[in-house]
Amino acid sequence: MAQAVGELTEQLPEVTRILGPDHPDTLVNRGNLAQWLGVLGDATQAVRMLTESVASFARVEGPESRRTLAARGALAYWQGHAGNAPESARAFQDLLVDCRRVLGPNHPETLRTRIDLTYLQGQAGDTAGAVKACEELMVDLVRVLGPDHPDTLVNRRTLAFLQGEAGDPARAAEAYADILADALRVLGPEHLETRTARRNLAYWLERAGIAD
C-alpha cells in the first residue's frame, strides 16, 4: 500500500505536467492517490483531495457523470472515517437519490451507496433498521452482482457485524466464518476483505466465548 502511494505521488506531478490538471487520467490519478492515503490512515488528507476531485470532475465531465458520482461516494466514505458521520450520511443520502435517477436502481454505484448508508444507519444506533436494510439489500446484490462479488461480501460483513451488535455474537462469528471461507476462495488470502474477515471472526469468537 505504501509503495502504491509512493508511486502515485511521484506520478501525479508528471501526469499533471504532460496531460494538464483537468485531463481524465490526471483526475483519476489524484482520486486513486486520495483513496490510498485514506486506506493508510490519513482520512483528512483523503477528504481534502477528494473534495477537489469532485469539483474537478463536475466541472470537466458534468455533475451527473459516472466518475463525478463515484468521486462523491469516495468523498462521503472518507468523511465518515475522518469523524464526520452526520455529513457523511447526508452526502450518501443525496448521492443515492442522484444515483437512482441517473444510473438506475441496479447500477453497482447505486448498490454501493446503499451499502454505505446501511453501515452508517447502524453506526447511528438504528441497529434493527440497519439489519433489515442489509437483508433487503442482500437480495438485490445477489440478484444483480452475484453471491461472490466483493460488494456482496462487504454487505455480508456489515450484516454480520450488526447481528453481533444486536446481541448475537455467536451468529456474527458463524457468519464471519462463512465470509472468510468465501473471501479466501474468491479473493485470496492477502486481499483486504479477507484480512478484515479474519480479524472480525477472531473478535466475534472472543465476544461469543468460543475457542478459535
N, C-alpha and C. Protein backbone atom coordinates (compact mmCIF):
# COMPACT_ATOMS: atom_id res chain seq x y z
N MET A 1 0.82 -1.20 0.00
CA MET A 1 0.00 0.00 0.00
C MET A 1 0.86 1.27 0.00
N ALA A 2 1.85 1.27 0.90
CA ALA A 2 2.73 2.43 0.96
C ALA A 2 3.48 2.62 -0.35
N GLN A 3 3.83 1.50 -1.00
CA GLN A 3 4.51 1.58 -2.29
C GLN A 3 3.59 2.20 -3.34
N ALA A 4 2.31 1.81 -3.31
CA ALA A 4 1.35 2.38 -4.26
C ALA A 4 1.22 3.88 -4.07
N VAL A 5 1.17 4.32 -2.81
CA VAL A 5 1.07 5.75 -2.51
C VAL A 5 2.31 6.47 -3.02
N GLY A 6 3.47 5.87 -2.79
CA GLY A 6 4.71 6.49 -3.25
C GLY A 6 4.75 6.64 -4.76
N GLU A 7 4.33 5.59 -5.47
CA GLU A 7 4.34 5.63 -6.93
C GLU A 7 3.35 6.66 -7.46
N LEU A 8 2.14 6.69 -6.88
CA LEU A 8 1.14 7.65 -7.34
C LEU A 8 1.56 9.08 -7.03
N THR A 9 2.20 9.27 -5.87
CA THR A 9 2.67 10.60 -5.50
C THR A 9 3.73 11.11 -6.48
N GLU A 10 4.62 10.20 -6.90
CA GLU A 10 5.65 10.56 -7.87
C GLU A 10 5.07 10.81 -9.25
N GLN A 11 4.06 10.04 -9.62
CA GLN A 11 3.48 10.15 -10.96
C GLN A 11 2.63 11.39 -11.15
N LEU A 12 1.93 11.82 -10.08
CA LEU A 12 0.93 12.88 -10.23
C LEU A 12 1.50 14.17 -10.81
N PRO A 13 2.63 14.71 -10.32
CA PRO A 13 3.14 15.95 -10.94
C PRO A 13 3.49 15.79 -12.42
N GLU A 14 4.05 14.61 -12.77
CA GLU A 14 4.43 14.37 -14.16
C GLU A 14 3.19 14.24 -15.05
N VAL A 15 2.19 13.49 -14.55
CA VAL A 15 0.95 13.34 -15.32
C VAL A 15 0.27 14.69 -15.49
N THR A 16 0.28 15.49 -14.43
CA THR A 16 -0.35 16.82 -14.49
C THR A 16 0.38 17.71 -15.49
N ARG A 17 1.71 17.64 -15.50
CA ARG A 17 2.50 18.48 -16.41
C ARG A 17 2.25 18.10 -17.86
N ILE A 18 2.19 16.79 -18.13
CA ILE A 18 2.07 16.32 -19.51
C ILE A 18 0.65 16.44 -20.03
N LEU A 19 -0.32 16.04 -19.22
CA LEU A 19 -1.71 15.98 -19.69
C LEU A 19 -2.54 17.19 -19.28
N GLY A 20 -2.09 17.88 -18.24
CA GLY A 20 -2.87 19.01 -17.73
C GLY A 20 -3.69 18.62 -16.52
N PRO A 21 -4.03 19.58 -15.68
CA PRO A 21 -4.71 19.27 -14.41
C PRO A 21 -6.13 18.74 -14.58
N ASP A 22 -6.76 19.00 -15.73
CA ASP A 22 -8.15 18.59 -15.92
C ASP A 22 -8.31 17.38 -16.82
N HIS A 23 -7.21 16.77 -17.24
CA HIS A 23 -7.31 15.57 -18.07
C HIS A 23 -7.88 14.43 -17.22
N PRO A 24 -8.75 13.59 -17.81
CA PRO A 24 -9.33 12.49 -17.03
C PRO A 24 -8.31 11.60 -16.34
N ASP A 25 -7.18 11.32 -17.00
CA ASP A 25 -6.17 10.47 -16.38
C ASP A 25 -5.55 11.15 -15.16
N THR A 26 -5.38 12.46 -15.22
CA THR A 26 -4.86 13.21 -14.08
C THR A 26 -5.85 13.15 -12.92
N LEU A 27 -7.12 13.34 -13.22
CA LEU A 27 -8.14 13.31 -12.16
C LEU A 27 -8.25 11.93 -11.54
N VAL A 28 -8.18 10.89 -12.37
CA VAL A 28 -8.24 9.52 -11.84
C VAL A 28 -7.03 9.24 -10.96
N ASN A 29 -5.85 9.68 -11.40
CA ASN A 29 -4.63 9.50 -10.62
C ASN A 29 -4.76 10.16 -9.26
N ARG A 30 -5.28 11.39 -9.24
CA ARG A 30 -5.44 12.12 -7.99
C ARG A 30 -6.43 11.40 -7.07
N GLY A 31 -7.53 10.93 -7.66
CA GLY A 31 -8.53 10.22 -6.86
C GLY A 31 -7.98 8.92 -6.28
N ASN A 32 -7.21 8.18 -7.08
CA ASN A 32 -6.61 6.94 -6.59
C ASN A 32 -5.64 7.21 -5.44
N LEU A 33 -4.86 8.26 -5.57
CA LEU A 33 -3.93 8.62 -4.51
C LEU A 33 -4.68 8.96 -3.23
N ALA A 34 -5.77 9.71 -3.36
CA ALA A 34 -6.57 10.06 -2.18
C ALA A 34 -7.11 8.81 -1.49
N GLN A 35 -7.58 7.86 -2.28
CA GLN A 35 -8.14 6.63 -1.71
C GLN A 35 -7.06 5.86 -0.93
N TRP A 36 -5.88 5.75 -1.51
CA TRP A 36 -4.82 5.02 -0.84
C TRP A 36 -4.36 5.73 0.43
N LEU A 37 -4.34 7.05 0.40
CA LEU A 37 -3.98 7.79 1.61
C LEU A 37 -5.00 7.51 2.71
N GLY A 38 -6.27 7.43 2.35
CA GLY A 38 -7.29 7.10 3.33
C GLY A 38 -7.09 5.70 3.89
N VAL A 39 -6.80 4.75 3.03
CA VAL A 39 -6.58 3.37 3.48
C VAL A 39 -5.41 3.30 4.45
N LEU A 40 -4.38 4.11 4.21
CA LEU A 40 -3.21 4.11 5.08
C LEU A 40 -3.42 4.92 6.36
N GLY A 41 -4.61 5.51 6.52
CA GLY A 41 -4.92 6.16 7.78
C GLY A 41 -5.05 7.66 7.75
N ASP A 42 -4.81 8.28 6.61
CA ASP A 42 -4.89 9.75 6.53
C ASP A 42 -6.23 10.14 5.89
N ALA A 43 -7.30 9.94 6.64
CA ALA A 43 -8.64 10.24 6.12
C ALA A 43 -8.82 11.72 5.85
N THR A 44 -8.21 12.56 6.66
CA THR A 44 -8.34 14.01 6.49
C THR A 44 -7.77 14.46 5.15
N GLN A 45 -6.59 13.95 4.81
CA GLN A 45 -5.98 14.28 3.52
C GLN A 45 -6.81 13.71 2.37
N ALA A 46 -7.35 12.51 2.57
CA ALA A 46 -8.21 11.91 1.54
C ALA A 46 -9.42 12.80 1.28
N VAL A 47 -10.03 13.32 2.34
CA VAL A 47 -11.19 14.20 2.20
C VAL A 47 -10.81 15.46 1.43
N ARG A 48 -9.67 16.05 1.77
CA ARG A 48 -9.23 17.27 1.11
C ARG A 48 -9.04 17.03 -0.38
N MET A 49 -8.36 15.95 -0.73
CA MET A 49 -8.07 15.68 -2.14
C MET A 49 -9.34 15.30 -2.90
N LEU A 50 -10.21 14.53 -2.27
CA LEU A 50 -11.43 14.11 -2.95
C LEU A 50 -12.42 15.25 -3.11
N THR A 51 -12.39 16.21 -2.20
CA THR A 51 -13.22 17.41 -2.38
C THR A 51 -12.81 18.13 -3.66
N GLU A 52 -11.50 18.23 -3.89
CA GLU A 52 -11.00 18.82 -5.13
C GLU A 52 -11.37 17.97 -6.34
N SER A 53 -11.30 16.65 -6.17
CA SER A 53 -11.62 15.75 -7.30
C SER A 53 -13.08 15.87 -7.71
N VAL A 54 -13.98 15.94 -6.73
CA VAL A 54 -15.40 16.08 -7.04
C VAL A 54 -15.64 17.36 -7.83
N ALA A 55 -15.05 18.45 -7.36
CA ALA A 55 -15.23 19.73 -8.06
C ALA A 55 -14.66 19.67 -9.47
N SER A 56 -13.52 19.02 -9.63
CA SER A 56 -12.88 18.93 -10.96
C SER A 56 -13.69 18.06 -11.90
N PHE A 57 -14.12 16.89 -11.44
CA PHE A 57 -14.92 16.01 -12.29
C PHE A 57 -16.23 16.69 -12.70
N ALA A 58 -16.86 17.39 -11.73
CA ALA A 58 -18.13 18.07 -12.03
C ALA A 58 -17.92 19.15 -13.08
N ARG A 59 -16.79 19.87 -13.00
CA ARG A 59 -16.51 20.94 -13.94
C ARG A 59 -16.17 20.39 -15.32
N VAL A 60 -15.39 19.31 -15.36
CA VAL A 60 -14.89 18.79 -16.63
C VAL A 60 -15.90 17.87 -17.31
N GLU A 61 -16.55 17.00 -16.53
CA GLU A 61 -17.41 15.98 -17.13
C GLU A 61 -18.89 16.22 -16.84
N GLY A 62 -19.19 17.13 -15.92
CA GLY A 62 -20.57 17.39 -15.56
C GLY A 62 -20.92 16.79 -14.21
N PRO A 63 -21.88 17.37 -13.51
CA PRO A 63 -22.20 16.93 -12.14
C PRO A 63 -22.84 15.56 -12.08
N GLU A 64 -23.33 15.03 -13.22
CA GLU A 64 -24.01 13.74 -13.19
C GLU A 64 -23.25 12.66 -13.94
N SER A 65 -21.98 12.91 -14.25
CA SER A 65 -21.19 11.86 -14.89
C SER A 65 -20.91 10.75 -13.88
N ARG A 66 -20.65 9.57 -14.40
CA ARG A 66 -20.42 8.43 -13.51
C ARG A 66 -19.20 8.65 -12.62
N ARG A 67 -18.17 9.27 -13.19
CA ARG A 67 -16.97 9.48 -12.38
C ARG A 67 -17.19 10.56 -11.32
N THR A 68 -18.03 11.54 -11.61
CA THR A 68 -18.37 12.53 -10.60
C THR A 68 -19.13 11.87 -9.45
N LEU A 69 -20.08 11.02 -9.79
CA LEU A 69 -20.86 10.33 -8.76
C LEU A 69 -19.96 9.40 -7.94
N ALA A 70 -19.04 8.71 -8.61
CA ALA A 70 -18.13 7.81 -7.89
C ALA A 70 -17.22 8.60 -6.94
N ALA A 71 -16.75 9.76 -7.41
CA ALA A 71 -15.91 10.60 -6.55
C ALA A 71 -16.69 11.11 -5.35
N ARG A 72 -17.97 11.45 -5.55
CA ARG A 72 -18.81 11.87 -4.43
C ARG A 72 -18.95 10.74 -3.41
N GLY A 73 -19.08 9.51 -3.90
CA GLY A 73 -19.18 8.38 -2.99
C GLY A 73 -17.91 8.18 -2.18
N ALA A 74 -16.76 8.31 -2.85
CA ALA A 74 -15.48 8.18 -2.15
C ALA A 74 -15.32 9.28 -1.11
N LEU A 75 -15.71 10.50 -1.47
CA LEU A 75 -15.61 11.62 -0.54
C LEU A 75 -16.50 11.38 0.69
N ALA A 76 -17.74 10.97 0.46
CA ALA A 76 -18.65 10.72 1.58
C ALA A 76 -18.10 9.62 2.49
N TYR A 77 -17.51 8.59 1.89
CA TYR A 77 -16.95 7.48 2.67
C TYR A 77 -15.85 7.97 3.61
N TRP A 78 -14.93 8.75 3.08
CA TRP A 78 -13.80 9.19 3.90
C TRP A 78 -14.19 10.31 4.86
N GLN A 79 -15.26 11.04 4.57
CA GLN A 79 -15.78 11.99 5.56
C GLN A 79 -16.21 11.25 6.82
N GLY A 80 -16.86 10.10 6.63
CA GLY A 80 -17.25 9.30 7.78
C GLY A 80 -16.05 8.80 8.55
N HIS A 81 -15.03 8.35 7.85
CA HIS A 81 -13.84 7.83 8.53
C HIS A 81 -13.00 8.95 9.15
N ALA A 82 -13.21 10.16 8.68
CA ALA A 82 -12.50 11.30 9.29
C ALA A 82 -13.23 11.82 10.52
N GLY A 83 -14.34 11.19 10.89
CA GLY A 83 -15.04 11.56 12.11
C GLY A 83 -16.28 12.41 11.92
N ASN A 84 -16.70 12.61 10.67
CA ASN A 84 -17.87 13.44 10.41
C ASN A 84 -19.00 12.57 9.88
N ALA A 85 -19.54 11.72 10.75
CA ALA A 85 -20.59 10.78 10.34
C ALA A 85 -21.86 11.49 9.86
N PRO A 86 -22.34 12.55 10.52
CA PRO A 86 -23.56 13.21 10.03
C PRO A 86 -23.41 13.76 8.61
N GLU A 87 -22.27 14.40 8.34
CA GLU A 87 -22.05 14.94 6.99
C GLU A 87 -21.94 13.80 5.98
N SER A 88 -21.28 12.72 6.38
CA SER A 88 -21.15 11.56 5.51
C SER A 88 -22.52 10.98 5.18
N ALA A 89 -23.38 10.84 6.18
CA ALA A 89 -24.72 10.29 5.96
C ALA A 89 -25.53 11.17 5.02
N ARG A 90 -25.46 12.48 5.23
CA ARG A 90 -26.20 13.39 4.35
C ARG A 90 -25.69 13.28 2.91
N ALA A 91 -24.37 13.20 2.76
CA ALA A 91 -23.79 13.11 1.43
C ALA A 91 -24.22 11.82 0.73
N PHE A 92 -24.24 10.70 1.46
CA PHE A 92 -24.66 9.44 0.87
C PHE A 92 -26.15 9.45 0.52
N GLN A 93 -26.97 10.07 1.36
CA GLN A 93 -28.40 10.15 1.07
C GLN A 93 -28.65 10.95 -0.22
N ASP A 94 -27.95 12.09 -0.35
CA ASP A 94 -28.09 12.89 -1.57
C ASP A 94 -27.57 12.11 -2.78
N LEU A 95 -26.46 11.42 -2.58
CA LEU A 95 -25.86 10.65 -3.68
C LEU A 95 -26.79 9.52 -4.12
N LEU A 96 -27.45 8.85 -3.18
CA LEU A 96 -28.33 7.75 -3.53
C LEU A 96 -29.49 8.24 -4.41
N VAL A 97 -30.03 9.39 -4.07
CA VAL A 97 -31.11 9.97 -4.88
C VAL A 97 -30.63 10.18 -6.32
N ASP A 98 -29.44 10.76 -6.46
CA ASP A 98 -28.91 11.05 -7.80
C ASP A 98 -28.53 9.78 -8.55
N CYS A 99 -27.97 8.80 -7.83
CA CYS A 99 -27.58 7.54 -8.49
C CYS A 99 -28.81 6.81 -9.01
N ARG A 100 -29.86 6.77 -8.22
CA ARG A 100 -31.08 6.09 -8.67
C ARG A 100 -31.66 6.79 -9.90
N ARG A 101 -31.60 8.10 -9.91
CA ARG A 101 -32.17 8.85 -11.01
C ARG A 101 -31.31 8.75 -12.27
N VAL A 102 -30.00 8.88 -12.10
CA VAL A 102 -29.09 8.94 -13.26
C VAL A 102 -28.68 7.55 -13.73
N LEU A 103 -28.36 6.66 -12.80
CA LEU A 103 -27.80 5.35 -13.15
C LEU A 103 -28.82 4.22 -13.09
N GLY A 104 -29.85 4.40 -12.28
CA GLY A 104 -30.85 3.35 -12.10
C GLY A 104 -30.61 2.59 -10.81
N PRO A 105 -31.63 1.89 -10.31
CA PRO A 105 -31.53 1.23 -9.01
C PRO A 105 -30.58 0.05 -8.96
N ASN A 106 -30.27 -0.55 -10.11
CA ASN A 106 -29.44 -1.75 -10.11
C ASN A 106 -27.99 -1.49 -10.50
N HIS A 107 -27.63 -0.24 -10.71
CA HIS A 107 -26.24 0.06 -11.07
C HIS A 107 -25.33 -0.21 -9.86
N PRO A 108 -24.12 -0.74 -10.09
CA PRO A 108 -23.21 -1.02 -8.97
C PRO A 108 -22.96 0.18 -8.06
N GLU A 109 -22.87 1.38 -8.63
CA GLU A 109 -22.63 2.57 -7.80
C GLU A 109 -23.82 2.85 -6.90
N THR A 110 -25.03 2.62 -7.40
CA THR A 110 -26.23 2.79 -6.59
C THR A 110 -26.24 1.78 -5.44
N LEU A 111 -25.94 0.54 -5.76
CA LEU A 111 -25.92 -0.51 -4.74
C LEU A 111 -24.82 -0.24 -3.71
N ARG A 112 -23.67 0.23 -4.17
CA ARG A 112 -22.57 0.53 -3.25
C ARG A 112 -22.94 1.67 -2.30
N THR A 113 -23.68 2.63 -2.79
CA THR A 113 -24.13 3.73 -1.94
C THR A 113 -25.09 3.22 -0.88
N ARG A 114 -25.95 2.29 -1.24
CA ARG A 114 -26.86 1.69 -0.26
C ARG A 114 -26.09 0.93 0.81
N ILE A 115 -25.00 0.26 0.42
CA ILE A 115 -24.17 -0.45 1.40
C ILE A 115 -23.63 0.53 2.44
N ASP A 116 -23.09 1.64 1.97
CA ASP A 116 -22.50 2.62 2.88
C ASP A 116 -23.56 3.27 3.77
N LEU A 117 -24.73 3.53 3.22
CA LEU A 117 -25.80 4.13 4.02
C LEU A 117 -26.27 3.17 5.10
N THR A 118 -26.35 1.89 4.78
CA THR A 118 -26.77 0.90 5.76
C THR A 118 -25.78 0.85 6.93
N TYR A 119 -24.50 0.88 6.60
CA TYR A 119 -23.46 0.87 7.65
C TYR A 119 -23.62 2.10 8.55
N LEU A 120 -23.83 3.26 7.94
CA LEU A 120 -23.98 4.48 8.73
C LEU A 120 -25.24 4.44 9.59
N GLN A 121 -26.29 3.81 9.09
CA GLN A 121 -27.51 3.66 9.87
C GLN A 121 -27.23 2.87 11.15
N GLY A 122 -26.44 1.82 11.02
CA GLY A 122 -26.06 1.05 12.19
C GLY A 122 -25.18 1.84 13.14
N GLN A 123 -24.23 2.61 12.58
CA GLN A 123 -23.35 3.43 13.40
C GLN A 123 -24.13 4.50 14.17
N ALA A 124 -25.25 4.94 13.60
CA ALA A 124 -26.07 5.96 14.25
C ALA A 124 -26.95 5.38 15.36
N GLY A 125 -26.93 4.05 15.51
CA GLY A 125 -27.67 3.43 16.62
C GLY A 125 -28.92 2.69 16.23
N ASP A 126 -29.32 2.78 14.95
CA ASP A 126 -30.53 2.07 14.50
C ASP A 126 -30.14 0.69 14.01
N THR A 127 -29.76 -0.18 14.97
CA THR A 127 -29.25 -1.50 14.60
C THR A 127 -30.32 -2.35 13.93
N ALA A 128 -31.53 -2.34 14.50
CA ALA A 128 -32.61 -3.17 13.93
C ALA A 128 -32.94 -2.73 12.52
N GLY A 129 -33.03 -1.41 12.31
CA GLY A 129 -33.32 -0.90 10.98
C GLY A 129 -32.21 -1.21 10.00
N ALA A 130 -30.97 -1.13 10.47
CA ALA A 130 -29.83 -1.41 9.61
C ALA A 130 -29.79 -2.89 9.22
N VAL A 131 -30.11 -3.79 10.16
CA VAL A 131 -30.16 -5.22 9.85
C VAL A 131 -31.20 -5.48 8.76
N LYS A 132 -32.38 -4.90 8.91
CA LYS A 132 -33.44 -5.08 7.91
C LYS A 132 -33.00 -4.54 6.55
N ALA A 133 -32.37 -3.35 6.55
CA ALA A 133 -31.91 -2.76 5.29
C ALA A 133 -30.84 -3.64 4.65
N CYS A 134 -29.94 -4.21 5.46
CA CYS A 134 -28.89 -5.09 4.94
C CYS A 134 -29.49 -6.34 4.30
N GLU A 135 -30.49 -6.90 4.95
CA GLU A 135 -31.12 -8.12 4.43
C GLU A 135 -31.83 -7.83 3.11
N GLU A 136 -32.50 -6.69 3.03
CA GLU A 136 -33.17 -6.32 1.78
C GLU A 136 -32.15 -6.06 0.68
N LEU A 137 -31.06 -5.39 1.04
CA LEU A 137 -30.02 -5.10 0.07
C LEU A 137 -29.34 -6.37 -0.42
N MET A 138 -29.20 -7.36 0.47
CA MET A 138 -28.54 -8.61 0.08
C MET A 138 -29.26 -9.28 -1.08
N VAL A 139 -30.58 -9.23 -1.06
CA VAL A 139 -31.36 -9.83 -2.15
C VAL A 139 -31.00 -9.18 -3.49
N ASP A 140 -30.90 -7.85 -3.49
CA ASP A 140 -30.58 -7.12 -4.72
C ASP A 140 -29.14 -7.37 -5.15
N LEU A 141 -28.22 -7.41 -4.19
CA LEU A 141 -26.81 -7.63 -4.53
C LEU A 141 -26.59 -9.00 -5.16
N VAL A 142 -27.18 -10.03 -4.57
CA VAL A 142 -27.03 -11.37 -5.12
C VAL A 142 -27.67 -11.45 -6.50
N ARG A 143 -28.82 -10.82 -6.67
CA ARG A 143 -29.53 -10.86 -7.95
C ARG A 143 -28.75 -10.12 -9.04
N VAL A 144 -28.18 -8.97 -8.71
CA VAL A 144 -27.55 -8.13 -9.72
C VAL A 144 -26.06 -8.47 -9.91
N LEU A 145 -25.34 -8.62 -8.80
CA LEU A 145 -23.89 -8.80 -8.87
C LEU A 145 -23.43 -10.23 -8.66
N GLY A 146 -24.26 -11.03 -7.99
CA GLY A 146 -23.89 -12.41 -7.71
C GLY A 146 -23.38 -12.58 -6.29
N PRO A 147 -23.40 -13.81 -5.77
CA PRO A 147 -23.04 -14.05 -4.37
C PRO A 147 -21.57 -13.85 -4.05
N ASP A 148 -20.71 -13.92 -5.06
CA ASP A 148 -19.26 -13.84 -4.81
C ASP A 148 -18.67 -12.46 -5.13
N HIS A 149 -19.50 -11.51 -5.51
CA HIS A 149 -18.97 -10.18 -5.83
C HIS A 149 -18.43 -9.53 -4.56
N PRO A 150 -17.31 -8.78 -4.64
CA PRO A 150 -16.76 -8.12 -3.45
C PRO A 150 -17.77 -7.25 -2.71
N ASP A 151 -18.65 -6.56 -3.43
CA ASP A 151 -19.64 -5.72 -2.75
C ASP A 151 -20.64 -6.56 -1.97
N THR A 152 -20.97 -7.74 -2.49
CA THR A 152 -21.85 -8.65 -1.76
C THR A 152 -21.18 -9.11 -0.47
N LEU A 153 -19.88 -9.40 -0.56
CA LEU A 153 -19.13 -9.81 0.63
C LEU A 153 -19.08 -8.67 1.65
N VAL A 154 -18.91 -7.45 1.19
CA VAL A 154 -18.90 -6.30 2.11
C VAL A 154 -20.23 -6.19 2.84
N ASN A 155 -21.33 -6.36 2.11
CA ASN A 155 -22.64 -6.26 2.76
C ASN A 155 -22.85 -7.40 3.75
N ARG A 156 -22.36 -8.59 3.40
CA ARG A 156 -22.43 -9.71 4.35
C ARG A 156 -21.65 -9.40 5.62
N ARG A 157 -20.50 -8.76 5.45
CA ARG A 157 -19.70 -8.39 6.63
C ARG A 157 -20.44 -7.38 7.49
N THR A 158 -21.07 -6.40 6.85
CA THR A 158 -21.83 -5.40 7.61
C THR A 158 -22.99 -6.05 8.34
N LEU A 159 -23.70 -6.97 7.68
CA LEU A 159 -24.82 -7.65 8.31
C LEU A 159 -24.35 -8.47 9.51
N ALA A 160 -23.23 -9.18 9.35
CA ALA A 160 -22.71 -9.97 10.46
C ALA A 160 -22.35 -9.09 11.65
N PHE A 161 -21.71 -7.97 11.37
CA PHE A 161 -21.36 -7.03 12.44
C PHE A 161 -22.60 -6.54 13.17
N LEU A 162 -23.62 -6.16 12.41
CA LEU A 162 -24.85 -5.64 13.02
C LEU A 162 -25.55 -6.72 13.84
N GLN A 163 -25.52 -7.96 13.37
CA GLN A 163 -26.11 -9.04 14.15
C GLN A 163 -25.39 -9.22 15.48
N GLY A 164 -24.07 -9.08 15.44
CA GLY A 164 -23.32 -9.15 16.69
C GLY A 164 -23.64 -8.00 17.61
N GLU A 165 -23.71 -6.80 17.06
CA GLU A 165 -24.03 -5.63 17.87
C GLU A 165 -25.45 -5.70 18.41
N ALA A 166 -26.34 -6.42 17.74
CA ALA A 166 -27.72 -6.58 18.21
C ALA A 166 -27.82 -7.60 19.33
N GLY A 167 -26.69 -8.21 19.71
CA GLY A 167 -26.71 -9.10 20.87
C GLY A 167 -26.53 -10.57 20.55
N ASP A 168 -26.10 -10.90 19.34
CA ASP A 168 -25.93 -12.31 18.98
C ASP A 168 -24.52 -12.53 18.44
N PRO A 169 -23.51 -12.50 19.33
CA PRO A 169 -22.13 -12.66 18.86
C PRO A 169 -21.85 -14.02 18.24
N ALA A 170 -22.54 -15.07 18.71
CA ALA A 170 -22.32 -16.39 18.13
C ALA A 170 -22.77 -16.41 16.66
N ARG A 171 -23.89 -15.76 16.37
CA ARG A 171 -24.37 -15.70 14.99
C ARG A 171 -23.41 -14.89 14.13
N ALA A 172 -22.87 -13.80 14.71
CA ALA A 172 -21.91 -12.99 13.98
C ALA A 172 -20.66 -13.80 13.66
N ALA A 173 -20.18 -14.58 14.64
CA ALA A 173 -18.99 -15.40 14.42
C ALA A 173 -19.23 -16.44 13.34
N GLU A 174 -20.40 -17.05 13.36
CA GLU A 174 -20.73 -18.04 12.33
C GLU A 174 -20.76 -17.40 10.95
N ALA A 175 -21.35 -16.21 10.88
CA ALA A 175 -21.42 -15.50 9.60
C ALA A 175 -20.03 -15.14 9.10
N TYR A 176 -19.17 -14.68 10.01
CA TYR A 176 -17.82 -14.30 9.59
C TYR A 176 -16.99 -15.51 9.17
N ALA A 177 -17.24 -16.66 9.76
CA ALA A 177 -16.54 -17.87 9.33
C ALA A 177 -16.90 -18.20 7.88
N ASP A 178 -18.18 -18.05 7.54
CA ASP A 178 -18.61 -18.29 6.15
C ASP A 178 -18.02 -17.23 5.22
N ILE A 179 -18.01 -15.98 5.67
CA ILE A 179 -17.47 -14.90 4.85
C ILE A 179 -15.98 -15.13 4.58
N LEU A 180 -15.25 -15.53 5.62
CA LEU A 180 -13.82 -15.77 5.46
C LEU A 180 -13.56 -16.89 4.45
N ALA A 181 -14.33 -17.97 4.55
CA ALA A 181 -14.15 -19.08 3.62
C ALA A 181 -14.39 -18.62 2.17
N ASP A 182 -15.43 -17.83 1.96
CA ASP A 182 -15.72 -17.36 0.60
C ASP A 182 -14.70 -16.33 0.14
N ALA A 183 -14.23 -15.46 1.04
CA ALA A 183 -13.22 -14.48 0.67
C ALA A 183 -11.91 -15.15 0.29
N LEU A 184 -11.53 -16.18 1.02
CA LEU A 184 -10.32 -16.93 0.68
C LEU A 184 -10.45 -17.57 -0.70
N ARG A 185 -11.62 -18.11 -0.98
CA ARG A 185 -11.85 -18.79 -2.26
C ARG A 185 -11.89 -17.79 -3.42
N VAL A 186 -12.53 -16.65 -3.22
CA VAL A 186 -12.77 -15.72 -4.31
C VAL A 186 -11.65 -14.70 -4.46
N LEU A 187 -11.16 -14.17 -3.33
CA LEU A 187 -10.23 -13.05 -3.36
C LEU A 187 -8.79 -13.42 -3.02
N GLY A 188 -8.61 -14.53 -2.32
CA GLY A 188 -7.27 -14.93 -1.92
C GLY A 188 -6.93 -14.47 -0.52
N PRO A 189 -5.87 -15.03 0.07
CA PRO A 189 -5.56 -14.78 1.48
C PRO A 189 -5.05 -13.38 1.79
N GLU A 190 -4.51 -12.66 0.81
CA GLU A 190 -3.91 -11.36 1.08
C GLU A 190 -4.82 -10.18 0.77
N HIS A 191 -6.00 -10.44 0.25
CA HIS A 191 -6.92 -9.35 -0.07
C HIS A 191 -7.38 -8.66 1.21
N LEU A 192 -7.59 -7.35 1.13
CA LEU A 192 -8.02 -6.58 2.30
C LEU A 192 -9.30 -7.14 2.90
N GLU A 193 -10.25 -7.52 2.07
CA GLU A 193 -11.52 -8.06 2.57
C GLU A 193 -11.30 -9.36 3.32
N THR A 194 -10.38 -10.19 2.84
CA THR A 194 -10.07 -11.46 3.51
C THR A 194 -9.44 -11.21 4.87
N ARG A 195 -8.48 -10.29 4.93
CA ARG A 195 -7.82 -9.99 6.19
C ARG A 195 -8.81 -9.38 7.19
N THR A 196 -9.70 -8.53 6.68
CA THR A 196 -10.71 -7.93 7.55
C THR A 196 -11.64 -9.00 8.11
N ALA A 197 -12.06 -9.94 7.27
CA ALA A 197 -12.94 -11.02 7.72
C ALA A 197 -12.26 -11.88 8.79
N ARG A 198 -10.96 -12.13 8.61
CA ARG A 198 -10.23 -12.94 9.57
C ARG A 198 -10.16 -12.24 10.94
N ARG A 199 -9.88 -10.94 10.92
CA ARG A 199 -9.82 -10.18 12.18
C ARG A 199 -11.20 -10.15 12.85
N ASN A 200 -12.23 -9.93 12.07
CA ASN A 200 -13.56 -9.85 12.64
C ASN A 200 -14.02 -11.19 13.18
N LEU A 201 -13.66 -12.27 12.52
CA LEU A 201 -14.00 -13.59 13.03
C LEU A 201 -13.38 -13.81 14.40
N ALA A 202 -12.09 -13.48 14.54
CA ALA A 202 -11.42 -13.64 15.83
C ALA A 202 -12.11 -12.80 16.91
N TYR A 203 -12.49 -11.58 16.55
CA TYR A 203 -13.14 -10.68 17.51
C TYR A 203 -14.46 -11.26 18.00
N TRP A 204 -15.31 -11.73 17.07
CA TRP A 204 -16.63 -12.21 17.48
C TRP A 204 -16.56 -13.58 18.13
N LEU A 205 -15.58 -14.38 17.79
CA LEU A 205 -15.37 -15.63 18.51
C LEU A 205 -15.05 -15.35 19.98
N GLU A 206 -14.21 -14.34 20.20
CA GLU A 206 -13.87 -13.95 21.57
C GLU A 206 -15.10 -13.40 22.30
N ARG A 207 -15.87 -12.55 21.60
CA ARG A 207 -17.08 -11.98 22.22
C ARG A 207 -18.10 -13.07 22.58
N ALA A 208 -18.14 -14.12 21.75
CA ALA A 208 -19.10 -15.21 21.98
C ALA A 208 -18.57 -16.24 22.95
N GLY A 209 -17.30 -16.12 23.35
CA GLY A 209 -16.70 -17.08 24.25
C GLY A 209 -16.43 -18.42 23.60
N ILE A 210 -16.15 -18.38 22.29
CA ILE A 210 -15.89 -19.61 21.53
C ILE A 210 -14.39 -19.69 21.24
N ALA A 211 -13.80 -20.84 21.53
CA ALA A 211 -12.38 -21.02 21.26
C ALA A 211 -12.16 -21.11 19.76
N ASP A 212 -11.14 -20.41 19.29
CA ASP A 212 -10.81 -20.43 17.84
C ASP A 212 -10.13 -21.76 17.51
